[in-house]
Amino acid sequence: MKIHPLVKEVLITTEEINQKCFELGQKISHYYLNEHPTQYNTILCLGLLKGCIPFMAKLITQLVGVECETEYMIVSSYFGGVKSNETPQILFDLPMLITNRDILLVEDIIDSGKTIKMIKYYLYIKGARSVKVVTLLDKKSGRKVDLVTDWYGFDVPPDFLIGFGLDYQERLRNLPYIAIIDQDKIKNWKWTTKR
């Protein structure tokens, strides 16, 4: 596998991501089938764009015995940079009613926790029956609010990460692994047509 030149270190491999998605799918399926039965055996998987796409696509294929609908919101806290802004903003809202729905909020990474905490509160205000949170990556060292995820894949360090949905200036989301970006290289990095 070719490693992108902006990668300082591959943190989580494609194989490890695949295995973790399988494990999370088993746990979530068990919860909704046995501990929290849903109306019509259906949950609403709500992804926060854009970073959630690879993780959510892989995760929902691992849900066994549970029906799921998918929807998306755009809530921005980074705006293409490397540090989170103070106040998350809803840029694209849910296009449907969610009264009495069981929602699985799907995120690629949770850092400060501000965005997820705000969205959970917002979904309950809109009438959700339950809101559970699953994230592939949990950056607990960055927490600024009281938030514990219901399910997560990997604890990650406070480095800036790229790949598998995580971006730098909207690029590098398509890397099939999760890596630490080389902070020295990005200072003078020029995007070219071929590498």
N, C-alpha and C. Protein backbone atom coordinates (compact mmCIF):
# COMPACT_ATOMS: atom_id res chain seq x y z
N MET A 1 0.84 -1.19 0.00
CA MET A 1 0.00 0.00 0.00
C MET A 1 0.89 1.25 0.00
N LYS A 2 0.57 2.18 -0.88
CA LYS A 2 1.34 3.42 -0.97
C LYS A 2 0.88 4.38 0.13
N ILE A 3 1.84 4.94 0.86
CA ILE A 3 1.54 5.87 1.94
C ILE A 3 1.70 7.29 1.42
N HIS A 4 0.73 8.13 1.69
CA HIS A 4 0.76 9.52 1.23
C HIS A 4 1.95 10.24 1.86
N PRO A 5 2.61 11.12 1.10
CA PRO A 5 3.79 11.81 1.62
C PRO A 5 3.52 12.75 2.80
N LEU A 6 2.26 13.12 3.03
CA LEU A 6 1.94 13.96 4.20
C LEU A 6 1.75 13.15 5.48
N VAL A 7 1.87 11.84 5.36
CA VAL A 7 1.68 10.97 6.53
C VAL A 7 2.98 10.87 7.33
N LYS A 8 2.87 11.18 8.59
CA LYS A 8 4.01 11.02 9.50
C LYS A 8 4.04 9.59 10.04
N GLU A 9 2.84 9.08 10.38
CA GLU A 9 2.74 7.72 10.93
C GLU A 9 1.34 7.17 10.70
N VAL A 10 1.24 5.95 10.21
CA VAL A 10 -0.06 5.28 10.11
C VAL A 10 -0.43 4.79 11.50
N LEU A 11 -1.56 5.28 11.97
CA LEU A 11 -1.99 4.96 13.34
C LEU A 11 -2.88 3.73 13.39
N ILE A 12 -3.80 3.64 12.42
CA ILE A 12 -4.76 2.52 12.39
C ILE A 12 -4.87 2.03 10.95
N THR A 13 -4.64 0.75 10.75
CA THR A 13 -4.63 0.18 9.40
C THR A 13 -6.05 -0.10 8.90
N THR A 14 -6.17 -0.34 7.61
CA THR A 14 -7.45 -0.70 7.00
C THR A 14 -8.01 -1.96 7.65
N GLU A 15 -7.16 -2.95 7.88
CA GLU A 15 -7.60 -4.21 8.50
C GLU A 15 -8.14 -3.98 9.91
N GLU A 16 -7.49 -3.12 10.66
CA GLU A 16 -7.95 -2.82 12.01
C GLU A 16 -9.28 -2.08 12.00
N ILE A 17 -9.46 -1.19 11.04
CA ILE A 17 -10.74 -0.48 10.90
C ILE A 17 -11.85 -1.46 10.57
N ASN A 18 -11.60 -2.36 9.62
CA ASN A 18 -12.62 -3.35 9.23
C ASN A 18 -13.03 -4.21 10.41
N GLN A 19 -12.08 -4.68 11.18
CA GLN A 19 -12.37 -5.52 12.34
C GLN A 19 -13.17 -4.76 13.39
N LYS A 20 -12.80 -3.51 13.62
CA LYS A 20 -13.49 -2.70 14.63
C LYS A 20 -14.92 -2.40 14.20
N CYS A 21 -15.15 -2.15 12.92
CA CYS A 21 -16.51 -1.90 12.43
C CYS A 21 -17.38 -3.14 12.62
N PHE A 22 -16.80 -4.31 12.39
CA PHE A 22 -17.53 -5.56 12.63
C PHE A 22 -17.91 -5.67 14.11
N GLU A 23 -16.96 -5.42 15.00
CA GLU A 23 -17.22 -5.52 16.44
C GLU A 23 -18.28 -4.52 16.90
N LEU A 24 -18.18 -3.29 16.41
CA LEU A 24 -19.17 -2.28 16.78
C LEU A 24 -20.55 -2.64 16.26
N GLY A 25 -20.61 -3.17 15.05
CA GLY A 25 -21.89 -3.59 14.48
C GLY A 25 -22.56 -4.66 15.32
N GLN A 26 -21.77 -5.60 15.84
CA GLN A 26 -22.30 -6.65 16.70
C GLN A 26 -22.87 -6.07 18.00
N LYS A 27 -22.12 -5.18 18.61
CA LYS A 27 -22.56 -4.59 19.89
C LYS A 27 -23.81 -3.74 19.72
N ILE A 28 -23.83 -2.93 18.67
CA ILE A 28 -24.99 -2.05 18.44
C ILE A 28 -26.22 -2.87 18.09
N SER A 29 -26.05 -3.88 17.26
CA SER A 29 -27.18 -4.76 16.91
C SER A 29 -27.75 -5.42 18.16
N HIS A 30 -26.88 -5.93 19.00
CA HIS A 30 -27.32 -6.58 20.25
C HIS A 30 -28.12 -5.60 21.11
N TYR A 31 -27.63 -4.38 21.21
CA TYR A 31 -28.31 -3.37 22.04
C TYR A 31 -29.73 -3.11 21.53
N TYR A 32 -29.88 -2.85 20.24
CA TYR A 32 -31.20 -2.51 19.72
C TYR A 32 -32.14 -3.72 19.62
N LEU A 33 -31.58 -4.90 19.52
CA LEU A 33 -32.42 -6.11 19.47
C LEU A 33 -32.84 -6.57 20.86
N ASN A 34 -31.96 -6.42 21.85
CA ASN A 34 -32.20 -7.03 23.15
C ASN A 34 -32.39 -6.07 24.31
N GLU A 35 -31.74 -4.92 24.28
CA GLU A 35 -31.80 -4.01 25.42
C GLU A 35 -32.72 -2.82 25.19
N HIS A 36 -32.88 -2.40 23.96
CA HIS A 36 -33.68 -1.23 23.65
C HIS A 36 -34.43 -1.45 22.33
N PRO A 37 -35.44 -2.34 22.35
CA PRO A 37 -36.19 -2.60 21.12
C PRO A 37 -36.80 -1.31 20.57
N THR A 38 -36.77 -1.18 19.25
CA THR A 38 -37.24 0.04 18.60
C THR A 38 -38.55 -0.20 17.88
N GLN A 39 -39.24 0.90 17.58
CA GLN A 39 -40.47 0.82 16.82
C GLN A 39 -40.18 0.27 15.43
N TYR A 40 -40.88 -0.77 15.03
CA TYR A 40 -40.71 -1.43 13.73
C TYR A 40 -39.29 -1.97 13.53
N ASN A 41 -38.58 -2.21 14.65
CA ASN A 41 -37.21 -2.74 14.60
C ASN A 41 -36.31 -1.89 13.70
N THR A 42 -36.53 -0.57 13.74
CA THR A 42 -35.82 0.33 12.85
C THR A 42 -35.16 1.47 13.62
N ILE A 43 -33.90 1.75 13.29
CA ILE A 43 -33.22 2.90 13.86
C ILE A 43 -32.91 3.88 12.73
N LEU A 44 -32.70 5.13 13.11
CA LEU A 44 -32.28 6.14 12.16
C LEU A 44 -30.80 6.41 12.40
N CYS A 45 -29.97 6.00 11.45
CA CYS A 45 -28.54 6.28 11.53
C CYS A 45 -28.31 7.67 10.96
N LEU A 46 -27.88 8.56 11.82
CA LEU A 46 -27.70 9.96 11.44
C LEU A 46 -26.22 10.29 11.41
N GLY A 47 -25.71 10.51 10.21
CA GLY A 47 -24.30 10.82 10.05
C GLY A 47 -24.04 12.31 9.99
N LEU A 48 -22.94 12.72 10.59
CA LEU A 48 -22.53 14.12 10.52
C LEU A 48 -21.49 14.26 9.41
N LEU A 49 -21.90 14.92 8.34
CA LEU A 49 -21.04 15.08 7.17
C LEU A 49 -19.93 16.09 7.44
N LYS A 50 -18.78 15.88 6.77
CA LYS A 50 -18.55 14.93 5.71
C LYS A 50 -17.76 13.73 6.20
N GLY A 51 -17.11 13.88 7.32
CA GLY A 51 -16.17 12.87 7.78
C GLY A 51 -16.74 11.50 8.07
N CYS A 52 -18.05 11.43 8.35
CA CYS A 52 -18.66 10.16 8.76
C CYS A 52 -18.80 9.15 7.62
N ILE A 53 -18.70 9.61 6.37
CA ILE A 53 -19.12 8.77 5.23
C ILE A 53 -18.44 7.39 5.19
N PRO A 54 -17.11 7.28 5.21
CA PRO A 54 -16.52 5.93 5.13
C PRO A 54 -16.91 5.04 6.31
N PHE A 55 -16.88 5.61 7.52
CA PHE A 55 -17.22 4.84 8.71
C PHE A 55 -18.67 4.40 8.70
N MET A 56 -19.57 5.31 8.41
CA MET A 56 -20.99 4.98 8.42
C MET A 56 -21.32 3.94 7.34
N ALA A 57 -20.73 4.09 6.17
CA ALA A 57 -20.97 3.13 5.09
C ALA A 57 -20.56 1.72 5.51
N LYS A 58 -19.43 1.62 6.17
CA LYS A 58 -18.94 0.31 6.60
C LYS A 58 -19.73 -0.22 7.80
N LEU A 59 -20.06 0.67 8.73
CA LEU A 59 -20.75 0.26 9.95
C LEU A 59 -22.14 -0.30 9.67
N ILE A 60 -22.92 0.37 8.82
CA ILE A 60 -24.30 -0.08 8.64
C ILE A 60 -24.38 -1.45 7.97
N THR A 61 -23.34 -1.85 7.25
CA THR A 61 -23.34 -3.19 6.66
C THR A 61 -23.11 -4.26 7.72
N GLN A 62 -22.70 -3.85 8.90
CA GLN A 62 -22.42 -4.80 9.99
C GLN A 62 -23.57 -4.88 11.00
N LEU A 63 -24.64 -4.12 10.78
CA LEU A 63 -25.80 -4.20 11.66
C LEU A 63 -26.63 -5.40 11.25
N VAL A 64 -26.81 -6.33 12.17
CA VAL A 64 -27.47 -7.59 11.86
C VAL A 64 -28.79 -7.70 12.61
N GLY A 65 -29.87 -7.90 11.86
CA GLY A 65 -31.18 -8.08 12.47
C GLY A 65 -31.88 -6.78 12.80
N VAL A 66 -31.25 -5.66 12.51
CA VAL A 66 -31.82 -4.34 12.79
C VAL A 66 -31.98 -3.60 11.47
N GLU A 67 -33.17 -3.07 11.25
CA GLU A 67 -33.38 -2.25 10.06
C GLU A 67 -32.87 -0.85 10.33
N CYS A 68 -32.32 -0.20 9.31
CA CYS A 68 -31.88 1.17 9.54
C CYS A 68 -32.18 2.06 8.35
N GLU A 69 -32.57 3.27 8.69
CA GLU A 69 -32.70 4.34 7.71
C GLU A 69 -31.47 5.23 7.89
N THR A 70 -31.12 5.98 6.85
CA THR A 70 -29.97 6.86 6.96
C THR A 70 -30.36 8.29 6.62
N GLU A 71 -29.80 9.22 7.38
CA GLU A 71 -29.96 10.65 7.12
C GLU A 71 -28.66 11.33 7.52
N TYR A 72 -28.54 12.60 7.14
CA TYR A 72 -27.30 13.33 7.38
C TYR A 72 -27.57 14.76 7.81
N MET A 73 -26.63 15.29 8.56
CA MET A 73 -26.61 16.71 8.90
C MET A 73 -25.20 17.21 8.63
N ILE A 74 -25.10 18.50 8.36
CA ILE A 74 -23.77 19.13 8.29
C ILE A 74 -23.67 20.09 9.47
N VAL A 75 -22.74 19.78 10.35
CA VAL A 75 -22.48 20.61 11.51
C VAL A 75 -20.99 20.90 11.51
N SER A 76 -20.64 22.15 11.38
CA SER A 76 -19.23 22.48 11.21
C SER A 76 -18.62 23.06 12.47
N SER A 77 -17.44 22.53 12.82
CA SER A 77 -16.69 23.10 13.94
C SER A 77 -15.23 23.32 13.57
N TYR A 78 -14.83 22.84 12.39
CA TYR A 78 -13.42 22.97 11.98
C TYR A 78 -13.22 23.94 10.81
N PHE A 79 -14.14 23.95 9.85
CA PHE A 79 -14.05 24.82 8.68
C PHE A 79 -12.72 24.67 7.94
N GLY A 80 -12.26 23.43 7.79
CA GLY A 80 -11.07 23.15 7.00
C GLY A 80 -9.75 23.34 7.71
N GLY A 81 -9.77 23.79 8.94
CA GLY A 81 -8.52 24.01 9.67
C GLY A 81 -8.10 22.80 10.47
N VAL A 82 -7.20 23.04 11.40
CA VAL A 82 -6.70 21.94 12.22
C VAL A 82 -7.16 22.04 13.67
N LYS A 83 -7.81 23.14 14.03
CA LYS A 83 -8.30 23.30 15.39
C LYS A 83 -9.79 23.61 15.36
N SER A 84 -10.50 23.08 16.37
CA SER A 84 -11.93 23.26 16.47
C SER A 84 -12.28 24.69 16.86
N ASN A 85 -13.36 25.23 16.26
CA ASN A 85 -13.87 26.53 16.66
C ASN A 85 -14.71 26.37 17.92
N GLU A 86 -15.01 27.48 18.55
CA GLU A 86 -15.72 27.43 19.83
C GLU A 86 -17.17 26.98 19.70
N THR A 87 -17.89 27.50 18.70
CA THR A 87 -19.33 27.23 18.61
C THR A 87 -19.66 26.48 17.32
N PRO A 88 -20.11 25.23 17.43
CA PRO A 88 -20.54 24.48 16.23
C PRO A 88 -21.76 25.14 15.59
N GLN A 89 -21.87 25.03 14.27
CA GLN A 89 -22.99 25.61 13.55
C GLN A 89 -23.65 24.55 12.68
N ILE A 90 -24.99 24.51 12.69
CA ILE A 90 -25.74 23.60 11.81
C ILE A 90 -25.84 24.27 10.44
N LEU A 91 -25.21 23.64 9.46
CA LEU A 91 -25.23 24.18 8.10
C LEU A 91 -26.28 23.49 7.24
N PHE A 92 -26.62 22.24 7.57
CA PHE A 92 -27.66 21.50 6.85
C PHE A 92 -28.42 20.66 7.88
N ASP A 93 -29.70 20.96 8.04
CA ASP A 93 -30.51 20.33 9.08
C ASP A 93 -31.18 19.06 8.55
N LEU A 94 -31.74 18.30 9.47
CA LEU A 94 -32.49 17.10 9.11
C LEU A 94 -33.70 17.48 8.26
N PRO A 95 -33.92 16.78 7.14
CA PRO A 95 -35.05 17.11 6.28
C PRO A 95 -36.32 16.32 6.64
N MET A 96 -36.40 15.81 7.86
CA MET A 96 -37.54 14.96 8.22
C MET A 96 -37.87 15.14 9.69
N LEU A 97 -39.09 14.70 10.06
CA LEU A 97 -39.49 14.69 11.46
C LEU A 97 -38.85 13.49 12.16
N ILE A 98 -38.47 13.66 13.41
CA ILE A 98 -37.85 12.56 14.15
C ILE A 98 -38.58 12.27 15.45
N THR A 99 -39.81 12.70 15.56
CA THR A 99 -40.60 12.47 16.77
C THR A 99 -40.67 10.98 17.08
N ASN A 100 -40.29 10.64 18.31
CA ASN A 100 -40.34 9.25 18.81
C ASN A 100 -39.42 8.29 18.07
N ARG A 101 -38.39 8.80 17.40
CA ARG A 101 -37.45 7.94 16.69
C ARG A 101 -36.24 7.61 17.57
N ASP A 102 -35.69 6.43 17.34
CA ASP A 102 -34.45 6.02 17.99
C ASP A 102 -33.31 6.33 17.03
N ILE A 103 -32.41 7.19 17.45
CA ILE A 103 -31.37 7.70 16.56
C ILE A 103 -30.00 7.22 17.00
N LEU A 104 -29.25 6.73 16.03
CA LEU A 104 -27.85 6.40 16.24
C LEU A 104 -27.03 7.48 15.54
N LEU A 105 -26.40 8.33 16.34
CA LEU A 105 -25.60 9.42 15.82
C LEU A 105 -24.21 8.90 15.50
N VAL A 106 -23.82 9.00 14.22
CA VAL A 106 -22.57 8.40 13.74
C VAL A 106 -21.56 9.50 13.43
N GLU A 107 -20.39 9.40 14.06
CA GLU A 107 -19.34 10.40 13.88
C GLU A 107 -18.01 9.72 13.59
N ASP A 108 -17.15 10.40 12.86
CA ASP A 108 -15.83 9.83 12.58
C ASP A 108 -14.89 10.00 13.76
N ILE A 109 -14.92 11.19 14.39
CA ILE A 109 -14.05 11.46 15.52
C ILE A 109 -14.73 12.43 16.48
N ILE A 110 -14.55 12.19 17.76
CA ILE A 110 -15.04 13.14 18.77
C ILE A 110 -13.82 13.67 19.50
N ASP A 111 -13.74 15.00 19.51
CA ASP A 111 -12.61 15.68 20.12
C ASP A 111 -13.10 16.44 21.35
N SER A 112 -13.46 17.70 21.18
CA SER A 112 -13.91 18.50 22.34
C SER A 112 -15.24 17.98 22.89
N GLY A 113 -16.05 17.38 22.02
CA GLY A 113 -17.37 16.88 22.43
C GLY A 113 -18.47 17.91 22.30
N LYS A 114 -18.12 19.15 21.99
CA LYS A 114 -19.12 20.23 21.94
C LYS A 114 -20.17 19.99 20.86
N THR A 115 -19.73 19.56 19.68
CA THR A 115 -20.67 19.35 18.58
C THR A 115 -21.67 18.25 18.92
N ILE A 116 -21.18 17.12 19.40
CA ILE A 116 -22.07 15.99 19.69
C ILE A 116 -23.02 16.32 20.83
N LYS A 117 -22.52 16.97 21.86
CA LYS A 117 -23.40 17.35 22.98
C LYS A 117 -24.52 18.27 22.51
N MET A 118 -24.16 19.25 21.66
CA MET A 118 -25.16 20.18 21.14
C MET A 118 -26.19 19.45 20.28
N ILE A 119 -25.72 18.55 19.40
CA ILE A 119 -26.63 17.85 18.50
C ILE A 119 -27.54 16.88 19.27
N LYS A 120 -27.00 16.20 20.26
CA LYS A 120 -27.84 15.32 21.09
C LYS A 120 -28.99 16.11 21.71
N TYR A 121 -28.67 17.24 22.30
CA TYR A 121 -29.68 18.09 22.91
C TYR A 121 -30.70 18.54 21.87
N TYR A 122 -30.21 18.96 20.71
CA TYR A 122 -31.07 19.42 19.62
C TYR A 122 -32.03 18.32 19.16
N LEU A 123 -31.53 17.09 19.04
CA LEU A 123 -32.37 15.98 18.59
C LEU A 123 -33.46 15.64 19.60
N TYR A 124 -33.12 15.72 20.88
CA TYR A 124 -34.14 15.49 21.90
C TYR A 124 -35.20 16.60 21.87
N ILE A 125 -34.77 17.83 21.66
CA ILE A 125 -35.73 18.95 21.55
C ILE A 125 -36.68 18.72 20.38
N LYS A 126 -36.15 18.10 19.30
CA LYS A 126 -36.99 17.83 18.12
C LYS A 126 -37.86 16.58 18.28
N GLY A 127 -37.76 15.92 19.46
CA GLY A 127 -38.69 14.83 19.76
C GLY A 127 -38.14 13.42 19.67
N ALA A 128 -36.84 13.27 19.55
CA ALA A 128 -36.27 11.91 19.47
C ALA A 128 -36.59 11.11 20.73
N ARG A 129 -36.87 9.84 20.55
CA ARG A 129 -37.11 8.94 21.69
C ARG A 129 -35.80 8.61 22.39
N SER A 130 -34.76 8.34 21.61
CA SER A 130 -33.43 8.07 22.17
C SER A 130 -32.36 8.52 21.18
N VAL A 131 -31.21 8.90 21.72
CA VAL A 131 -30.07 9.28 20.89
C VAL A 131 -28.83 8.60 21.46
N LYS A 132 -28.28 7.69 20.68
CA LYS A 132 -27.03 7.02 21.06
C LYS A 132 -25.93 7.49 20.13
N VAL A 133 -24.70 7.45 20.62
CA VAL A 133 -23.57 7.97 19.87
C VAL A 133 -22.53 6.88 19.63
N VAL A 134 -22.15 6.73 18.36
CA VAL A 134 -21.02 5.85 18.03
C VAL A 134 -20.01 6.66 17.23
N THR A 135 -18.76 6.54 17.59
CA THR A 135 -17.69 7.20 16.86
C THR A 135 -16.57 6.21 16.61
N LEU A 136 -15.94 6.33 15.47
CA LEU A 136 -14.81 5.45 15.20
C LEU A 136 -13.62 5.82 16.09
N LEU A 137 -13.39 7.13 16.23
CA LEU A 137 -12.23 7.61 16.98
C LEU A 137 -12.66 8.48 18.14
N ASP A 138 -12.04 8.28 19.29
CA ASP A 138 -12.36 9.08 20.47
C ASP A 138 -11.07 9.74 20.97
N LYS A 139 -11.04 11.06 20.85
CA LYS A 139 -9.87 11.82 21.29
C LYS A 139 -10.20 12.42 22.66
N LYS A 140 -10.17 11.58 23.68
CA LYS A 140 -10.62 11.99 25.02
C LYS A 140 -9.79 13.13 25.60
N SER A 141 -8.54 13.23 25.18
CA SER A 141 -7.67 14.29 25.71
C SER A 141 -8.15 15.68 25.31
N GLY A 142 -8.99 15.75 24.28
CA GLY A 142 -9.48 17.05 23.81
C GLY A 142 -10.81 17.47 24.39
N ARG A 143 -11.41 16.68 25.28
CA ARG A 143 -12.75 16.97 25.80
C ARG A 143 -12.81 18.32 26.51
N LYS A 144 -13.87 19.06 26.16
CA LYS A 144 -14.12 20.33 26.83
C LYS A 144 -15.50 20.36 27.48
N VAL A 145 -16.27 19.29 27.26
CA VAL A 145 -17.59 19.16 27.88
C VAL A 145 -17.72 17.76 28.45
N ASP A 146 -18.73 17.57 29.27
CA ASP A 146 -18.99 16.27 29.86
C ASP A 146 -19.74 15.41 28.83
N LEU A 147 -19.03 14.50 28.20
CA LEU A 147 -19.63 13.65 27.17
C LEU A 147 -18.93 12.30 27.15
N VAL A 148 -19.73 11.24 27.23
CA VAL A 148 -19.21 9.88 27.12
C VAL A 148 -19.93 9.22 25.95
N THR A 149 -19.18 8.64 25.03
CA THR A 149 -19.79 7.98 23.89
C THR A 149 -20.42 6.65 24.33
N ASP A 150 -21.43 6.21 23.58
CA ASP A 150 -22.04 4.92 23.87
C ASP A 150 -21.17 3.79 23.33
N TRP A 151 -20.60 4.01 22.14
CA TRP A 151 -19.68 3.04 21.54
C TRP A 151 -18.59 3.80 20.81
N TYR A 152 -17.38 3.29 20.87
CA TYR A 152 -16.30 3.90 20.09
C TYR A 152 -15.33 2.82 19.66
N GLY A 153 -14.58 3.14 18.61
CA GLY A 153 -13.64 2.17 18.06
C GLY A 153 -12.26 2.24 18.69
N PHE A 154 -11.63 3.40 18.59
CA PHE A 154 -10.24 3.53 19.04
C PHE A 154 -10.04 4.81 19.84
N ASP A 155 -9.27 4.72 20.90
CA ASP A 155 -8.75 5.92 21.56
C ASP A 155 -7.60 6.44 20.71
N VAL A 156 -7.56 7.74 20.48
CA VAL A 156 -6.49 8.30 19.66
C VAL A 156 -5.80 9.45 20.40
N PRO A 157 -4.53 9.69 20.06
CA PRO A 157 -3.76 10.76 20.72
C PRO A 157 -4.19 12.14 20.24
N PRO A 158 -3.67 13.20 20.83
CA PRO A 158 -4.09 14.56 20.48
C PRO A 158 -3.51 15.10 19.18
N ASP A 159 -2.92 14.25 18.36
CA ASP A 159 -2.36 14.68 17.08
C ASP A 159 -3.46 15.00 16.08
N PHE A 160 -3.11 15.75 15.02
CA PHE A 160 -4.05 16.01 13.93
C PHE A 160 -4.04 14.80 13.00
N LEU A 161 -5.23 14.21 12.79
CA LEU A 161 -5.34 12.95 12.05
C LEU A 161 -5.97 13.15 10.68
N ILE A 162 -5.57 12.30 9.75
CA ILE A 162 -6.12 12.32 8.39
C ILE A 162 -6.48 10.89 7.97
N GLY A 163 -7.33 10.79 6.96
CA GLY A 163 -7.67 9.50 6.38
C GLY A 163 -8.98 8.95 6.88
N PHE A 164 -9.57 8.07 6.09
CA PHE A 164 -10.84 7.40 6.38
C PHE A 164 -11.90 8.40 6.84
N GLY A 165 -12.03 9.48 6.07
CA GLY A 165 -13.03 10.50 6.36
C GLY A 165 -12.46 11.77 6.96
N LEU A 166 -11.33 11.66 7.62
CA LEU A 166 -10.71 12.83 8.25
C LEU A 166 -9.90 13.59 7.22
N ASP A 167 -10.03 14.92 7.23
CA ASP A 167 -9.44 15.71 6.15
C ASP A 167 -8.41 16.72 6.63
N TYR A 168 -7.65 17.19 5.67
CA TYR A 168 -6.86 18.41 5.82
C TYR A 168 -7.22 19.30 4.64
N GLN A 169 -7.85 20.43 4.92
CA GLN A 169 -8.33 21.34 3.88
C GLN A 169 -9.19 20.60 2.85
N GLU A 170 -10.07 19.75 3.34
CA GLU A 170 -11.04 18.97 2.55
C GLU A 170 -10.41 17.85 1.73
N ARG A 171 -9.11 17.66 1.80
CA ARG A 171 -8.45 16.58 1.08
C ARG A 171 -8.06 15.48 2.05
N LEU A 172 -7.65 14.35 1.49
CA LEU A 172 -7.11 13.19 2.20
C LEU A 172 -8.16 12.35 2.93
N ARG A 173 -9.44 12.67 2.73
CA ARG A 173 -10.50 11.85 3.34
C ARG A 173 -10.49 10.43 2.78
N ASN A 174 -9.97 10.26 1.57
CA ASN A 174 -10.06 8.98 0.87
C ASN A 174 -8.94 8.01 1.22
N LEU A 175 -8.01 8.40 2.08
CA LEU A 175 -6.98 7.44 2.49
C LEU A 175 -7.65 6.28 3.22
N PRO A 176 -7.26 5.03 2.94
CA PRO A 176 -7.95 3.87 3.51
C PRO A 176 -7.50 3.53 4.93
N TYR A 177 -6.68 4.36 5.52
CA TYR A 177 -6.17 4.16 6.88
C TYR A 177 -6.27 5.49 7.62
N ILE A 178 -5.97 5.47 8.91
CA ILE A 178 -5.96 6.70 9.71
C ILE A 178 -4.52 6.97 10.10
N ALA A 179 -4.09 8.21 9.88
CA ALA A 179 -2.68 8.54 10.09
C ALA A 179 -2.52 9.88 10.78
N ILE A 180 -1.35 10.06 11.36
CA ILE A 180 -0.95 11.35 11.91
C ILE A 180 -0.33 12.17 10.78
N ILE A 181 -0.77 13.40 10.63
CA ILE A 181 -0.23 14.24 9.56
C ILE A 181 1.14 14.79 9.99
N ASP A 182 1.97 14.99 9.00
CA ASP A 182 3.31 15.55 9.26
C ASP A 182 3.18 17.08 9.31
N GLN A 183 3.19 17.63 10.51
CA GLN A 183 2.97 19.06 10.70
C GLN A 183 4.07 19.90 10.04
N ASP A 184 5.28 19.38 9.97
CA ASP A 184 6.37 20.13 9.34
C ASP A 184 6.16 20.24 7.83
N LYS A 185 5.70 19.15 7.21
CA LYS A 185 5.51 19.15 5.76
C LYS A 185 4.35 20.05 5.32
N ILE A 186 3.27 20.10 6.12
CA ILE A 186 2.09 20.87 5.66
C ILE A 186 2.35 22.37 5.67
N LYS A 187 3.36 22.81 6.39
CA LYS A 187 3.65 24.25 6.43
C LYS A 187 3.97 24.80 5.04
N ASN A 188 4.67 24.02 4.23
CA ASN A 188 5.06 24.47 2.89
C ASN A 188 4.50 23.58 1.79
N TRP A 189 3.44 22.86 2.10
CA TRP A 189 2.91 21.88 1.15
C TRP A 189 2.22 22.55 -0.03
N LYS A 190 2.49 22.06 -1.21
CA LYS A 190 1.83 22.53 -2.44
C LYS A 190 1.11 21.34 -3.06
N TRP A 191 -0.20 21.50 -3.27
CA TRP A 191 -0.97 20.44 -3.92
C TRP A 191 -0.60 20.41 -5.39
N THR A 192 -0.22 19.25 -5.89
CA THR A 192 0.14 19.12 -7.30
C THR A 192 -0.77 18.10 -7.96
N THR A 193 -0.66 17.99 -9.25
CA THR A 193 -1.54 17.06 -9.99
C THR A 193 -1.03 15.63 -9.94
N LYS A 194 0.24 15.43 -9.62
CA LYS A 194 0.78 14.08 -9.64
C LYS A 194 1.87 13.94 -8.58
N ARG A 195 1.86 12.78 -7.91
CA ARG A 195 2.90 12.49 -6.89
C ARG A 195 3.38 11.08 -7.07
